[in-house]
Amino acid sequence: MNRTDLASTIAQRTGVSAKDATSVITGLNDVILEAIGRGEKVQLPGLLTIERVERAARTGRNPQTGEELQIPAAHAAKVTAGSKLKAAAKGK
């Protein structure tokens, strides 16, 4: 399901226009990105949790040469599935 399909499905289920549903999806996207950028955790109970985590600096290897290289510390996004999402994935 892509963004257009999602907006159409939301519009049908809620009785709003597809344009309004698309605006809500865009707004949700912006709010989540801003919150994660500030280091806040975003939780949608039963669905998912998104949080920013810090990855420590580490030593890696160049796969072509085998030479060691230093990978700097960085931030990454961690997404954890909620109970309802896990059940849906199992087909329940």
N, C-alpha and C. Protein backbone atom coordinates (compact mmCIF):
# COMPACT_ATOMS: atom_id res chain seq x y z
N MET A 1 0.86 -1.17 0.00
CA MET A 1 0.00 0.00 0.00
C MET A 1 0.91 1.23 0.00
N ASN A 2 0.70 2.11 -0.97
CA ASN A 2 1.48 3.34 -1.02
C ASN A 2 0.69 4.49 -0.37
N ARG A 3 1.27 5.68 -0.39
CA ARG A 3 0.67 6.84 0.27
C ARG A 3 -0.71 7.18 -0.29
N THR A 4 -0.87 7.10 -1.61
CA THR A 4 -2.15 7.41 -2.25
C THR A 4 -3.21 6.39 -1.85
N ASP A 5 -2.84 5.11 -1.85
CA ASP A 5 -3.77 4.06 -1.43
C ASP A 5 -4.17 4.24 0.03
N LEU A 6 -3.20 4.59 0.87
CA LEU A 6 -3.48 4.81 2.28
C LEU A 6 -4.45 5.96 2.47
N ALA A 7 -4.21 7.07 1.77
CA ALA A 7 -5.10 8.23 1.88
C ALA A 7 -6.50 7.89 1.40
N SER A 8 -6.61 7.13 0.31
CA SER A 8 -7.93 6.74 -0.20
C SER A 8 -8.67 5.85 0.78
N THR A 9 -7.98 4.91 1.38
CA THR A 9 -8.59 4.00 2.34
C THR A 9 -9.04 4.76 3.59
N ILE A 10 -8.20 5.66 4.08
CA ILE A 10 -8.58 6.46 5.24
C ILE A 10 -9.78 7.33 4.91
N ALA A 11 -9.80 7.90 3.72
CA ALA A 11 -10.92 8.75 3.30
C ALA A 11 -12.22 7.96 3.27
N GLN A 12 -12.19 6.75 2.75
CA GLN A 12 -13.38 5.91 2.68
C GLN A 12 -13.87 5.53 4.08
N ARG A 13 -12.95 5.19 4.96
CA ARG A 13 -13.35 4.73 6.31
C ARG A 13 -13.82 5.86 7.22
N THR A 14 -13.33 7.07 6.98
CA THR A 14 -13.66 8.17 7.87
C THR A 14 -14.66 9.16 7.29
N GLY A 15 -14.92 9.08 6.00
CA GLY A 15 -15.87 9.99 5.38
C GLY A 15 -15.30 11.36 5.06
N VAL A 16 -13.98 11.51 5.11
CA VAL A 16 -13.36 12.78 4.72
C VAL A 16 -12.87 12.66 3.28
N SER A 17 -12.49 13.77 2.70
CA SER A 17 -12.00 13.73 1.33
C SER A 17 -10.59 13.14 1.29
N ALA A 18 -10.21 12.62 0.13
CA ALA A 18 -8.86 12.06 -0.03
C ALA A 18 -7.82 13.16 0.15
N LYS A 19 -8.15 14.37 -0.25
CA LYS A 19 -7.23 15.50 -0.09
C LYS A 19 -6.99 15.78 1.39
N ASP A 20 -8.05 15.75 2.20
CA ASP A 20 -7.90 15.97 3.64
C ASP A 20 -7.10 14.83 4.28
N ALA A 21 -7.35 13.61 3.86
CA ALA A 21 -6.62 12.47 4.40
C ALA A 21 -5.14 12.58 4.06
N THR A 22 -4.83 13.02 2.85
CA THR A 22 -3.44 13.21 2.44
C THR A 22 -2.78 14.29 3.28
N SER A 23 -3.52 15.36 3.58
CA SER A 23 -2.99 16.43 4.43
C SER A 23 -2.68 15.92 5.83
N VAL A 24 -3.54 15.08 6.36
CA VAL A 24 -3.32 14.51 7.69
C VAL A 24 -2.09 13.61 7.69
N ILE A 25 -1.94 12.80 6.66
CA ILE A 25 -0.77 11.92 6.57
C ILE A 25 0.51 12.75 6.48
N THR A 26 0.48 13.81 5.68
CA THR A 26 1.64 14.70 5.55
C THR A 26 1.96 15.36 6.89
N GLY A 27 0.93 15.82 7.59
CA GLY A 27 1.12 16.42 8.90
C GLY A 27 1.71 15.44 9.91
N LEU A 28 1.19 14.22 9.92
CA LEU A 28 1.70 13.18 10.81
C LEU A 28 3.17 12.91 10.51
N ASN A 29 3.51 12.82 9.24
CA ASN A 29 4.88 12.60 8.82
C ASN A 29 5.79 13.71 9.35
N ASP A 30 5.36 14.97 9.18
CA ASP A 30 6.16 16.11 9.63
C ASP A 30 6.34 16.11 11.14
N VAL A 31 5.27 15.85 11.88
CA VAL A 31 5.33 15.84 13.35
C VAL A 31 6.27 14.75 13.85
N ILE A 32 6.18 13.56 13.28
CA ILE A 32 7.05 12.45 13.69
C ILE A 32 8.50 12.79 13.41
N LEU A 33 8.80 13.30 12.22
CA LEU A 33 10.19 13.62 11.87
C LEU A 33 10.76 14.70 12.78
N GLU A 34 9.96 15.72 13.10
CA GLU A 34 10.43 16.77 13.99
C GLU A 34 10.68 16.24 15.40
N ALA A 35 9.78 15.40 15.91
CA ALA A 35 9.94 14.85 17.25
C ALA A 35 11.18 13.96 17.35
N ILE A 36 11.38 13.11 16.37
CA ILE A 36 12.55 12.23 16.38
C ILE A 36 13.83 13.06 16.26
N GLY A 37 13.78 14.11 15.45
CA GLY A 37 14.93 15.01 15.30
C GLY A 37 15.31 15.68 16.61
N ARG A 38 14.33 15.95 17.48
CA ARG A 38 14.58 16.54 18.79
C ARG A 38 14.97 15.49 19.83
N GLY A 39 14.95 14.22 19.46
CA GLY A 39 15.31 13.15 20.38
C GLY A 39 14.14 12.63 21.20
N GLU A 40 12.92 12.99 20.83
CA GLU A 40 11.74 12.52 21.55
C GLU A 40 11.30 11.15 21.03
N LYS A 41 10.65 10.39 21.89
CA LYS A 41 10.09 9.09 21.52
C LYS A 41 8.65 9.32 21.05
N VAL A 42 8.28 8.66 19.95
CA VAL A 42 6.91 8.74 19.44
C VAL A 42 6.27 7.37 19.62
N GLN A 43 5.14 7.32 20.34
CA GLN A 43 4.47 6.06 20.60
C GLN A 43 3.05 6.10 20.07
N LEU A 44 2.69 5.10 19.30
CA LEU A 44 1.32 4.87 18.87
C LEU A 44 0.95 3.53 19.49
N PRO A 45 0.31 3.55 20.67
CA PRO A 45 0.08 2.33 21.44
C PRO A 45 -0.56 1.20 20.61
N GLY A 46 0.03 0.03 20.72
CA GLY A 46 -0.44 -1.13 20.00
C GLY A 46 0.10 -1.22 18.59
N LEU A 47 0.55 -0.08 18.03
CA LEU A 47 1.02 -0.06 16.65
C LEU A 47 2.54 -0.06 16.58
N LEU A 48 3.16 1.02 17.05
CA LEU A 48 4.62 1.07 17.00
C LEU A 48 5.17 2.16 17.89
N THR A 49 6.46 2.07 18.14
CA THR A 49 7.21 3.08 18.86
C THR A 49 8.43 3.41 18.03
N ILE A 50 8.69 4.71 17.88
CA ILE A 50 9.85 5.16 17.13
C ILE A 50 10.68 6.02 18.07
N GLU A 51 11.97 5.75 18.14
CA GLU A 51 12.83 6.57 18.99
C GLU A 51 14.20 6.71 18.36
N ARG A 52 14.87 7.80 18.74
CA ARG A 52 16.23 8.04 18.26
C ARG A 52 17.19 7.38 19.23
N VAL A 53 18.13 6.63 18.70
CA VAL A 53 19.14 5.96 19.52
C VAL A 53 20.52 6.39 19.04
N GLU A 54 21.48 6.30 19.94
CA GLU A 54 22.84 6.66 19.58
C GLU A 54 23.65 5.39 19.37
N ARG A 55 24.32 5.34 18.26
CA ARG A 55 25.21 4.21 17.98
C ARG A 55 26.63 4.63 18.34
N ALA A 56 27.30 3.80 19.08
CA ALA A 56 28.66 4.10 19.51
C ALA A 56 29.64 4.00 18.34
N ALA A 57 30.76 4.69 18.47
CA ALA A 57 31.82 4.57 17.47
C ALA A 57 32.34 3.14 17.52
N ARG A 58 32.75 2.65 16.38
CA ARG A 58 33.22 1.26 16.34
C ARG A 58 34.23 1.09 15.21
N THR A 59 34.88 -0.05 15.23
CA THR A 59 35.84 -0.39 14.19
C THR A 59 35.17 -1.33 13.21
N GLY A 60 35.30 -1.03 11.92
CA GLY A 60 34.74 -1.88 10.89
C GLY A 60 35.83 -2.31 9.92
N ARG A 61 35.42 -3.00 8.88
CA ARG A 61 36.39 -3.45 7.87
C ARG A 61 35.87 -3.10 6.48
N ASN A 62 36.78 -2.69 5.64
CA ASN A 62 36.47 -2.47 4.24
C ASN A 62 36.32 -3.85 3.61
N PRO A 63 35.15 -4.20 3.05
CA PRO A 63 34.95 -5.55 2.52
C PRO A 63 35.82 -5.88 1.32
N GLN A 64 36.28 -4.86 0.61
CA GLN A 64 37.11 -5.14 -0.57
C GLN A 64 38.57 -5.38 -0.21
N THR A 65 39.08 -4.60 0.75
CA THR A 65 40.50 -4.71 1.08
C THR A 65 40.77 -5.40 2.41
N GLY A 66 39.76 -5.48 3.26
CA GLY A 66 39.93 -6.06 4.59
C GLY A 66 40.56 -5.09 5.56
N GLU A 67 40.85 -3.87 5.11
CA GLU A 67 41.48 -2.86 5.95
C GLU A 67 40.50 -2.37 7.03
N GLU A 68 41.02 -2.20 8.24
CA GLU A 68 40.19 -1.68 9.34
C GLU A 68 39.94 -0.20 9.14
N LEU A 69 38.75 0.24 9.54
CA LEU A 69 38.44 1.66 9.50
C LEU A 69 37.57 2.01 10.68
N GLN A 70 37.63 3.26 11.08
CA GLN A 70 36.86 3.73 12.22
C GLN A 70 35.52 4.28 11.74
N ILE A 71 34.44 3.77 12.30
CA ILE A 71 33.09 4.24 11.99
C ILE A 71 32.70 5.16 13.15
N PRO A 72 32.40 6.43 12.86
CA PRO A 72 32.10 7.37 13.94
C PRO A 72 30.75 7.10 14.59
N ALA A 73 30.58 7.64 15.79
CA ALA A 73 29.29 7.54 16.49
C ALA A 73 28.24 8.27 15.66
N ALA A 74 27.01 7.81 15.74
CA ALA A 74 25.93 8.42 14.95
C ALA A 74 24.58 8.16 15.63
N HIS A 75 23.58 8.88 15.18
CA HIS A 75 22.20 8.66 15.65
C HIS A 75 21.47 7.83 14.60
N ALA A 76 20.53 7.02 15.05
CA ALA A 76 19.72 6.20 14.14
C ALA A 76 18.30 6.14 14.70
N ALA A 77 17.37 5.75 13.87
CA ALA A 77 15.98 5.59 14.30
C ALA A 77 15.74 4.12 14.61
N LYS A 78 15.08 3.86 15.73
CA LYS A 78 14.73 2.50 16.12
C LYS A 78 13.21 2.40 16.13
N VAL A 79 12.68 1.44 15.38
CA VAL A 79 11.23 1.24 15.30
C VAL A 79 10.91 -0.11 15.95
N THR A 80 9.99 -0.07 16.91
CA THR A 80 9.58 -1.28 17.61
C THR A 80 8.10 -1.52 17.34
N ALA A 81 7.77 -2.71 16.89
CA ALA A 81 6.37 -3.06 16.60
C ALA A 81 5.59 -3.24 17.90
N GLY A 82 4.35 -2.75 17.90
CA GLY A 82 3.45 -2.91 19.03
C GLY A 82 2.72 -4.24 18.96
N SER A 83 1.96 -4.55 19.99
CA SER A 83 1.28 -5.85 20.08
C SER A 83 0.26 -6.06 18.96
N LYS A 84 -0.50 -5.03 18.60
CA LYS A 84 -1.50 -5.18 17.55
C LYS A 84 -0.84 -5.37 16.19
N LEU A 85 0.27 -4.67 15.95
CA LEU A 85 0.99 -4.83 14.69
C LEU A 85 1.59 -6.23 14.59
N LYS A 86 2.12 -6.73 15.70
CA LYS A 86 2.69 -8.09 15.72
C LYS A 86 1.59 -9.12 15.44
N ALA A 87 0.42 -8.93 16.04
CA ALA A 87 -0.69 -9.86 15.82
C ALA A 87 -1.16 -9.82 14.37
N ALA A 88 -1.21 -8.64 13.78
CA ALA A 88 -1.63 -8.51 12.38
C ALA A 88 -0.63 -9.20 11.46
N ALA A 89 0.66 -9.10 11.78
CA ALA A 89 1.69 -9.74 10.98
C ALA A 89 1.58 -11.27 11.05
N LYS A 90 1.09 -11.77 12.19
CA LYS A 90 0.90 -13.21 12.35
C LYS A 90 -0.39 -13.69 11.71
N GLY A 91 -1.22 -12.75 11.23
CA GLY A 91 -2.49 -13.12 10.61
C GLY A 91 -3.62 -13.28 11.60
N LYS A 92 -3.49 -12.73 12.77
CA LYS A 92 -4.53 -12.88 13.81
C LYS A 92 -5.41 -11.67 13.85
